[in-house]
Amino acid sequence: MAIVWTAGVRDVDVVVGLLVEFRDWWGRDHPPAESFATSVARLIDDPQTEYLLGATAAGEPAGAVCQLRFRFGVWHAAEDCWLEDLYVRADARRTGLGRATVQAAAARARERGCARLELDVNEANPRALALYERLGFNSRSDPPGGRNLLMRLPLRP
């Protein structure tokens, strides 16, 4: 049975390793591992950020990582939770670990009083998209009723 826990300072190297694997899975070579290490070390102590780690069973090494970011939102007068990253190692996929990690993220957001849990997913990743839809995520807004689009303005190269 999958287990999920909140990463602590002792887990920085595990979180970094999984995020670097996620970067590699996308076929990227940037940012460098050192940048991930510096960023995770900074964010793991930030009360507005949490990392969840998951394993397929007790005593097994972490095979999943999830980054959660919290911020207060005026539209619901409550915290919002942004699921910034979710990665499950290839050998742990189709075991229920991804589902368990997202469900733990939702539970953690509820514990913190969040009004919603949001994320973005790439259309080129249909398995992730299907997982999120099975768990009740949707791309509609309420109102005006159109699909929500994630838009970015790059501020540096």
Protein backbone atom coordinates (compact mmCIF):
# COMPACT_ATOMS: atom_id res chain seq x y z
CA MET A 1 0.00 0.00 0.00
CA ALA A 2 1.34 3.44 -0.97
CA ILE A 3 2.45 5.79 1.79
CA VAL A 4 2.95 9.55 1.50
CA TRP A 5 4.68 11.87 3.96
CA THR A 6 5.73 15.50 4.20
CA ALA A 7 9.43 15.89 3.41
CA GLY A 8 11.67 17.47 6.00
CA VAL A 9 15.18 18.89 5.95
CA ARG A 10 16.64 15.37 6.05
CA ASP A 11 14.83 14.60 2.79
CA VAL A 12 16.33 17.43 0.70
CA ASP A 13 18.59 15.10 -1.28
CA VAL A 14 15.71 12.74 -2.06
CA VAL A 15 13.49 15.61 -3.21
CA VAL A 16 16.30 17.02 -5.36
CA GLY A 17 17.04 13.62 -6.89
CA LEU A 18 13.41 13.09 -7.88
CA LEU A 19 13.07 16.61 -9.30
CA VAL A 20 16.22 16.12 -11.38
CA GLU A 21 14.75 12.84 -12.66
CA PHE A 22 11.59 14.76 -13.56
CA ARG A 23 13.67 17.32 -15.47
CA ASP A 24 15.46 14.51 -17.29
CA TRP A 25 12.16 12.76 -18.08
CA TRP A 26 11.11 15.92 -19.94
CA GLY A 27 14.37 15.73 -21.93
CA ARG A 28 15.79 18.90 -20.42
CA ASP A 29 19.22 19.64 -19.02
CA HIS A 30 18.33 22.89 -17.26
CA PRO A 31 18.21 23.94 -14.49
CA PRO A 32 21.32 22.16 -13.25
CA ALA A 33 21.10 19.82 -10.27
CA GLU A 34 22.92 22.38 -8.11
CA SER A 35 20.14 24.88 -8.75
CA PHE A 36 17.52 22.34 -7.68
CA ALA A 37 19.54 21.65 -4.53
CA THR A 38 19.77 25.35 -3.64
CA SER A 39 16.09 25.94 -4.37
CA VAL A 40 14.81 22.94 -2.43
CA ALA A 41 17.02 23.78 0.55
CA ARG A 42 15.52 27.27 0.53
CA LEU A 43 11.91 26.23 0.01
CA ILE A 44 11.75 23.28 2.40
CA ASP A 45 11.87 25.73 5.33
CA ASP A 46 9.33 28.10 3.75
CA PRO A 47 5.94 27.74 5.49
CA GLN A 48 4.25 28.46 2.15
CA THR A 49 5.86 25.45 0.47
CA GLU A 50 5.67 21.74 1.19
CA TYR A 51 7.13 18.71 -0.53
CA LEU A 52 5.38 15.38 -0.29
CA LEU A 53 7.26 12.14 -0.85
CA GLY A 54 5.59 8.84 -1.60
CA ALA A 55 6.64 5.22 -1.68
CA THR A 56 4.86 2.12 -2.95
CA ALA A 57 5.09 0.52 0.52
CA ALA A 58 6.48 1.17 3.98
CA GLY A 59 10.26 0.78 4.02
CA GLU A 60 10.59 1.36 0.27
CA PRO A 61 12.50 4.36 -1.08
CA ALA A 62 10.56 7.39 -2.26
CA GLY A 63 9.33 6.96 -5.80
CA ALA A 64 7.22 10.12 -6.03
CA VAL A 65 7.58 13.79 -5.21
CA CYS A 66 5.00 16.55 -5.15
CA GLN A 67 5.60 20.25 -4.55
CA LEU A 68 2.80 22.29 -3.00
CA ARG A 69 2.74 26.09 -2.83
CA PHE A 70 0.26 27.97 -0.65
CA ARG A 71 -0.96 31.55 -1.01
CA PHE A 72 -3.91 33.55 0.24
CA GLY A 73 -6.53 34.37 -2.39
CA VAL A 74 -9.11 37.16 -2.30
CA TRP A 75 -11.73 35.31 -4.37
CA HIS A 76 -12.37 32.74 -1.65
CA ALA A 77 -10.93 34.66 1.33
CA ALA A 78 -8.87 31.56 2.02
CA GLU A 79 -5.61 29.91 1.12
CA ASP A 80 -5.18 28.40 -2.34
CA CYS A 81 -2.88 25.47 -2.99
CA TRP A 82 -0.88 25.14 -6.19
CA LEU A 83 0.37 21.65 -7.01
CA GLU A 84 3.50 22.82 -8.78
CA ASP A 85 5.17 19.49 -9.57
CA LEU A 86 4.27 15.84 -9.40
CA TYR A 87 6.68 13.17 -10.53
CA VAL A 88 6.46 9.41 -10.17
CA ARG A 89 9.43 7.22 -11.12
CA ALA A 90 8.84 4.93 -14.08
CA ASP A 91 9.15 1.79 -11.92
CA ALA A 92 6.47 3.10 -9.54
CA ARG A 93 3.91 4.10 -12.15
CA ARG A 94 0.65 2.19 -12.40
CA THR A 95 0.95 1.17 -8.73
CA GLY A 96 -1.44 3.79 -7.35
CA LEU A 97 1.41 5.93 -6.04
CA GLY A 98 0.53 8.94 -8.21
CA ARG A 99 -3.10 8.78 -7.11
CA ALA A 100 -2.10 8.43 -3.45
CA THR A 101 0.26 11.39 -3.71
CA VAL A 102 -2.36 13.67 -5.30
CA GLN A 103 -4.94 12.56 -2.74
CA ALA A 104 -2.44 13.34 0.05
CA ALA A 105 -1.87 16.76 -1.54
CA ALA A 106 -5.63 17.41 -1.50
CA ALA A 107 -5.84 16.26 2.11
CA ARG A 108 -2.95 18.51 3.07
CA ALA A 109 -4.59 21.48 1.32
CA ARG A 110 -7.85 20.80 3.18
CA GLU A 111 -5.95 20.60 6.50
CA ARG A 112 -4.53 24.05 5.81
CA GLY A 113 -8.00 25.44 5.05
CA CYS A 114 -7.47 25.87 1.32
CA ALA A 115 -10.48 26.65 -0.83
CA ARG A 116 -9.04 24.97 -3.92
CA LEU A 117 -6.17 22.93 -5.30
CA GLU A 118 -4.90 23.99 -8.70
CA LEU A 119 -2.30 22.65 -11.12
CA ASP A 120 -1.23 22.72 -14.70
CA VAL A 121 -0.65 19.65 -16.84
CA ASN A 122 0.88 19.35 -20.27
CA GLU A 123 -1.35 17.89 -22.98
CA ALA A 124 1.67 15.83 -24.09
CA ASN A 125 1.32 13.90 -20.81
CA PRO A 126 -2.05 12.15 -21.30
CA ARG A 127 -1.57 9.73 -18.39
CA ALA A 128 -1.17 12.61 -15.94
CA LEU A 129 -4.12 14.44 -17.48
CA ALA A 130 -6.28 11.32 -17.15
CA LEU A 131 -5.21 10.86 -13.51
CA TYR A 132 -6.14 14.42 -12.61
CA GLU A 133 -9.49 14.16 -14.38
CA ARG A 134 -10.28 10.87 -12.60
CA LEU A 135 -9.57 12.66 -9.31
CA GLY A 136 -12.06 15.43 -10.16
CA PHE A 137 -9.84 18.18 -11.56
CA ASN A 138 -11.30 20.06 -14.50
CA SER A 139 -10.32 22.88 -16.83
CA ARG A 140 -13.55 24.85 -16.68
CA SER A 141 -14.00 28.04 -14.76
CA ASP A 142 -17.16 28.94 -12.93
CA PRO A 143 -18.23 31.50 -14.28
CA PRO A 144 -17.70 32.53 -17.14
CA GLY A 145 -17.57 28.90 -18.27
CA GLY A 146 -14.61 28.71 -20.66
CA ARG A 147 -11.51 26.59 -20.31
CA ASN A 148 -8.85 28.01 -18.00
CA LEU A 149 -5.57 28.64 -19.73
CA LEU A 150 -2.20 28.93 -18.05
CA MET A 151 -0.33 31.87 -19.56
CA ARG A 152 3.25 32.94 -18.92
CA LEU A 153 5.35 36.00 -19.53
CA PRO A 154 9.06 35.06 -19.44
CA LEU A 155 10.98 37.73 -17.53
CA ARG A 156 14.46 36.32 -18.15
CA PRO A 157 16.03 33.89 -20.61
